[in-house]
Amino acid sequence: MTVERIMSKDPLYVKENDLMTHARQLMRDHFLRGVPVVNESLKVSGMLTDKDILKIRATKSNVTVGGYVQEVPLITPEMEILKAARLMLDASQHRVPVVSGIDRQLVGILSDVDILAAIKPTKRSPLYIEEIMMTNVVTCYPDDSIPKVWHHMLEHDYTGIPVVSHSNETVGMVTRRDIIKAGYARVGEVDGRSAKAGDAPKVEKVMSTPMYTLPPEASLQEAIDKILQYDIGRIAVASNKKLLGIVSRYELLSACLIGTGF
């Protein structure tokens, strides 16, 4: 199967000379983790990700997109999707532009969700999610401040952090999307004011509940189906309400490439 069959056409994009504040608003409005960057000739120059753009606090700025462009692998419509998946994983990208060969004109966008919806685990893939889950999981509490959690997300490039009780029982998940949607994405600020320790909003105000979980003996396909069903970036692995680990799209996609030659 080729990229052309699963890519999204007519993607949103920004130009190199667009203001970063414009790009930030576009990404916030559409809840995008990354957006293609093109020059005046619509030739793709790279990708702009939320890791850098969401650090901008000023409502007005003359900083342009051009200085923040990240290089991306060359993905074309004719490319085999498993090869495209490997290039995306190696580049640590969740979304990549699809370009028309040598002239690099933007023709689409490909995401890890698109690929996971189109492929299956192989005979050599691990059988259970406990074999691929991340066990060194950063968590937060419902009474943690949003600025504190947001700082961790940006510093470590997390898209979401599990919320647990003080006895480590699963409570919910707080994601970048939750924080942005609630209007708390300016680190250290509340409604445009400098936040003091006592009045900073708490995670419990924006977190998603309940936390979607699977037992450690769940199959990879079960995890993929859940992630696609709920449009989430990761699924928690838990037993008796105790958090054991996390499985993300990255681990699932990597596991599905085992034995494929990519």
Protein backbone atom coordinates (compact mmCIF):
# COMPACT_ATOMS: atom_id res chain seq x y z
CA MET A 1 0.00 0.00 0.00
CA THR A 2 1.27 3.47 -0.87
CA VAL A 3 1.18 6.74 1.03
CA GLU A 4 -1.22 8.26 -1.50
CA ARG A 5 -3.99 5.88 -0.42
CA ILE A 6 -3.99 6.98 3.23
CA MET A 7 -2.65 10.55 3.31
CA SER A 8 -4.86 13.58 3.93
CA LYS A 9 -5.03 16.03 1.04
CA ASP A 10 -5.18 19.84 1.15
CA PRO A 11 -3.43 20.14 4.53
CA LEU A 12 -3.12 23.38 6.47
CA TYR A 13 0.30 24.98 6.19
CA VAL A 14 2.24 28.12 7.08
CA LYS A 15 4.80 30.07 5.10
CA GLU A 16 8.35 30.82 6.16
CA ASN A 17 7.65 34.55 6.50
CA ASP A 18 4.43 34.10 8.50
CA LEU A 19 4.55 35.36 12.06
CA MET A 20 4.97 32.75 14.77
CA THR A 21 1.96 34.18 16.57
CA HIS A 22 -0.16 33.40 13.49
CA ALA A 23 1.22 29.86 13.35
CA ARG A 24 0.57 29.40 17.06
CA GLN A 25 -3.07 30.46 16.67
CA LEU A 26 -3.54 28.13 13.71
CA MET A 27 -2.16 25.19 15.65
CA ARG A 28 -4.24 26.03 18.71
CA ASP A 29 -7.46 26.42 16.72
CA HIS A 30 -7.00 23.07 15.00
CA PHE A 31 -5.20 21.21 17.83
CA LEU A 32 -2.22 20.39 15.61
CA ARG A 33 1.09 19.01 16.88
CA GLY A 34 2.84 20.01 13.67
CA VAL A 35 2.20 21.95 10.50
CA PRO A 36 4.12 21.95 7.17
CA VAL A 37 6.16 25.03 6.29
CA VAL A 38 6.46 26.17 2.67
CA ASN A 39 8.23 28.99 0.87
CA GLU A 40 6.58 31.47 -1.50
CA SER A 41 6.64 28.86 -4.27
CA LEU A 42 4.83 26.37 -1.99
CA LYS A 43 7.94 24.19 -1.86
CA VAL A 44 8.11 22.38 1.46
CA SER A 45 11.02 23.49 3.61
CA GLY A 46 10.16 21.48 6.72
CA MET A 47 7.82 21.18 9.66
CA LEU A 48 6.89 23.46 12.55
CA THR A 49 6.06 21.62 15.78
CA ASP A 50 4.21 22.67 18.89
CA LYS A 51 7.22 21.99 21.12
CA ASP A 52 8.78 25.32 20.11
CA ILE A 53 5.81 27.37 19.08
CA LEU A 54 3.81 26.89 22.27
CA LYS A 55 6.64 28.34 24.35
CA ILE A 56 5.85 31.78 22.93
CA ARG A 57 4.08 33.85 25.58
CA ALA A 58 3.77 37.20 23.83
CA THR A 59 0.48 37.96 22.10
CA LYS A 60 2.37 40.07 19.56
CA SER A 61 5.75 39.31 18.09
CA ASN A 62 7.65 39.97 14.86
CA VAL A 63 9.40 36.57 15.00
CA THR A 64 8.76 34.59 11.82
CA VAL A 65 8.36 30.88 11.20
CA GLY A 66 11.51 30.55 9.08
CA GLY A 67 13.91 30.32 12.01
CA TYR A 68 12.07 27.41 13.63
CA VAL A 69 11.67 25.02 10.71
CA GLN A 70 12.65 21.42 11.40
CA GLU A 71 13.94 19.17 8.64
CA VAL A 72 11.67 16.25 7.74
CA PRO A 73 12.15 13.08 5.70
CA LEU A 74 11.18 13.15 2.04
CA ILE A 75 7.82 11.35 1.82
CA THR A 76 6.18 11.00 -1.58
CA PRO A 77 2.74 9.68 -2.58
CA GLU A 78 4.30 6.65 -4.29
CA MET A 79 6.26 5.54 -1.21
CA GLU A 80 5.37 2.29 0.54
CA ILE A 81 3.68 3.17 3.85
CA LEU A 82 5.94 0.89 5.90
CA LYS A 83 8.98 2.73 4.58
CA ALA A 84 7.30 6.04 5.36
CA ALA A 85 6.56 4.77 8.87
CA ARG A 86 10.22 3.94 9.45
CA LEU A 87 11.32 7.38 8.23
CA MET A 88 8.79 9.06 10.54
CA LEU A 89 9.91 7.04 13.55
CA ASP A 90 13.58 7.74 12.87
CA ALA A 91 12.81 11.46 12.60
CA SER A 92 10.62 11.41 15.76
CA GLN A 93 7.76 13.02 13.84
CA HIS A 94 4.05 12.34 14.33
CA ARG A 95 2.99 14.16 11.15
CA VAL A 96 5.02 14.71 7.98
CA PRO A 97 4.35 16.55 4.71
CA VAL A 98 3.86 14.50 1.57
CA VAL A 99 5.61 16.14 -1.39
CA SER A 100 5.53 15.69 -5.14
CA GLY A 101 8.99 14.29 -5.66
CA ILE A 102 11.91 16.44 -6.68
CA ASP A 103 10.09 19.80 -6.72
CA ARG A 104 8.85 19.23 -3.13
CA GLN A 105 5.42 20.75 -3.72
CA LEU A 106 3.03 20.06 -0.83
CA VAL A 107 0.38 17.50 -1.82
CA GLY A 108 -0.70 16.03 1.50
CA ILE A 109 0.02 15.18 5.11
CA LEU A 110 0.70 11.77 6.65
CA SER A 111 0.26 10.98 10.35
CA ASP A 112 1.08 8.03 12.57
CA VAL A 113 -2.69 7.63 13.05
CA ASP A 114 -3.14 7.18 9.30
CA ILE A 115 -0.53 4.43 9.29
CA LEU A 116 -1.79 2.62 12.40
CA ALA A 117 -5.28 2.51 10.88
CA ALA A 118 -3.89 0.84 7.75
CA ILE A 119 -1.48 -1.79 9.09
CA LYS A 120 -1.55 -4.74 11.48
CA PRO A 121 0.97 -6.27 13.89
CA THR A 122 3.19 -8.88 12.24
CA LYS A 123 3.79 -12.48 13.26
CA ARG A 124 7.01 -11.32 14.87
CA SER A 125 5.45 -8.44 16.78
CA PRO A 126 5.22 -8.87 20.56
CA LEU A 127 1.99 -10.53 21.65
CA TYR A 128 1.15 -8.34 24.63
CA ILE A 129 1.43 -4.64 25.38
CA GLU A 130 3.37 -5.30 28.59
CA GLU A 131 6.28 -6.26 26.32
CA ILE A 132 6.47 -2.80 24.74
CA MET A 133 5.05 -0.48 27.41
CA MET A 134 7.12 2.28 28.97
CA THR A 135 7.36 1.68 32.70
CA ASN A 136 9.30 4.79 33.72
CA VAL A 137 6.19 6.97 33.51
CA VAL A 138 6.05 10.60 34.61
CA THR A 139 2.75 11.22 36.38
CA CYS A 140 1.01 14.13 38.07
CA TYR A 141 -1.68 14.62 40.71
CA PRO A 142 -5.07 16.30 40.33
CA ASP A 143 -3.94 19.08 42.69
CA ASP A 144 -0.73 19.84 40.76
CA SER A 145 -0.69 23.22 39.07
CA ILE A 146 -1.21 23.42 35.32
CA PRO A 147 1.89 25.64 34.80
CA LYS A 148 4.03 22.97 36.48
CA VAL A 149 2.64 20.18 34.28
CA TRP A 150 2.82 22.32 31.14
CA HIS A 151 6.50 23.00 31.85
CA HIS A 152 7.16 19.25 32.06
CA MET A 153 5.34 18.70 28.77
CA LEU A 154 7.42 21.25 26.93
CA GLU A 155 10.73 20.34 28.55
CA HIS A 156 10.40 16.61 27.83
CA ASP A 157 8.18 16.81 24.72
CA TYR A 158 5.30 14.92 26.35
CA THR A 159 1.90 15.17 24.67
CA GLY A 160 0.09 13.87 27.73
CA ILE A 161 0.72 12.93 31.35
CA PRO A 162 -1.29 10.39 33.37
CA VAL A 163 -3.06 11.77 36.43
CA VAL A 164 -2.97 9.51 39.48
CA SER A 165 -4.15 9.78 43.06
CA HIS A 166 -1.61 10.06 45.86
CA SER A 167 -1.97 6.29 46.27
CA ASN A 168 -1.06 5.78 42.57
CA GLU A 169 -4.55 4.85 41.42
CA THR A 170 -5.48 5.92 37.90
CA VAL A 171 -7.63 9.05 37.74
CA GLY A 172 -7.37 10.57 34.28
CA MET A 173 -5.06 12.03 31.64
CA VAL A 174 -4.03 15.62 31.03
CA THR A 175 -2.89 16.44 27.50
CA ARG A 176 -1.57 19.45 25.65
CA ARG A 177 -4.91 19.60 23.90
CA ASP A 178 -6.77 19.78 27.23
CA ILE A 179 -4.61 22.67 28.44
CA ILE A 180 -4.72 24.59 25.16
CA LYS A 181 -8.48 24.14 24.81
CA ALA A 182 -9.00 25.48 28.33
CA GLY A 183 -6.86 28.54 27.54
CA TYR A 184 -4.08 27.82 30.05
CA ALA A 185 -1.21 27.31 27.61
CA ARG A 186 0.76 30.37 28.68
CA VAL A 187 3.15 28.95 31.20
CA GLY A 188 2.99 30.71 34.55
CA GLU A 189 -0.03 32.80 33.66
CA VAL A 190 -3.71 32.72 34.57
CA ASP A 191 -6.07 34.72 32.38
CA GLY A 192 -3.16 36.90 31.25
CA ARG A 193 -1.90 37.60 34.80
CA SER A 194 1.22 36.30 36.44
CA ALA A 195 0.19 33.24 38.42
CA LYS A 196 1.03 32.98 42.10
CA ALA A 197 1.48 29.60 43.73
CA GLY A 198 -1.96 29.74 45.34
CA ASP A 199 -4.07 30.85 42.40
CA ALA A 200 -2.54 28.75 39.58
CA PRO A 201 -5.24 26.50 38.07
CA LYS A 202 -5.09 22.83 38.98
CA VAL A 203 -4.87 19.79 36.73
CA GLU A 204 -8.26 18.55 37.92
CA LYS A 205 -9.88 21.50 36.12
CA VAL A 206 -8.81 20.36 32.66
CA MET A 207 -7.89 16.67 32.81
CA SER A 208 -9.82 14.10 30.80
CA THR A 209 -11.58 11.38 32.77
CA PRO A 210 -11.75 8.49 33.06
CA MET A 211 -8.26 7.38 32.09
CA TYR A 212 -8.47 4.90 29.22
CA THR A 213 -6.66 1.75 30.34
CA LEU A 214 -5.89 -1.79 29.21
CA PRO A 215 -4.51 -4.72 31.19
CA PRO A 216 -0.89 -5.74 30.54
CA GLU A 217 -2.04 -8.92 28.76
CA ALA A 218 -3.97 -6.95 26.12
CA SER A 219 -2.82 -7.44 22.54
CA LEU A 220 -1.17 -4.80 20.37
CA GLN A 221 -4.23 -4.72 18.14
CA GLU A 222 -6.48 -4.01 21.12
CA ALA A 223 -4.29 -1.05 22.02
CA ILE A 224 -4.29 0.22 18.44
CA ASP A 225 -8.07 -0.08 18.24
CA LYS A 226 -8.52 1.87 21.50
CA ILE A 227 -6.17 4.63 20.42
CA LEU A 228 -7.96 4.99 17.09
CA GLN A 229 -11.42 4.78 18.69
CA TYR A 230 -10.78 7.51 21.23
CA ASP A 231 -8.36 9.58 19.11
CA ILE A 232 -5.69 9.57 21.82
CA GLY A 233 -1.91 9.50 21.66
CA ARG A 234 -1.34 6.89 24.33
CA ILE A 235 -3.12 4.25 26.38
CA ALA A 236 -2.40 3.50 30.03
CA VAL A 237 -1.56 -0.01 31.18
CA ALA A 238 -3.09 -0.73 34.57
CA SER A 239 -4.03 -3.54 36.91
CA ASN A 240 -6.48 -3.12 39.81
CA LYS A 241 -6.45 0.64 39.14
CA LYS A 242 -2.66 0.76 39.64
CA LEU A 243 -0.71 2.35 36.80
CA LEU A 244 1.93 0.00 35.38
CA GLY A 245 3.00 1.75 32.21
CA ILE A 246 2.09 3.61 29.05
CA VAL A 247 1.90 2.51 25.42
CA SER A 248 2.01 5.28 22.82
CA ARG A 249 1.51 5.37 19.09
CA TYR A 250 5.31 5.35 18.74
CA GLU A 251 5.75 1.98 20.52
CA LEU A 252 2.81 0.45 18.65
CA LEU A 253 4.03 1.62 15.26
CA SER A 254 7.56 0.39 16.01
CA ALA A 255 6.22 -3.03 17.03
CA CYS A 256 4.19 -3.31 13.82
CA LEU A 257 7.37 -2.89 11.75
CA ILE A 258 9.15 -5.86 13.34
CA GLY A 259 9.81 -8.48 10.69
CA THR A 260 8.81 -6.25 7.77
CA GLY A 261 12.34 -5.33 6.71
CA PHE A 262 11.84 -1.66 7.64
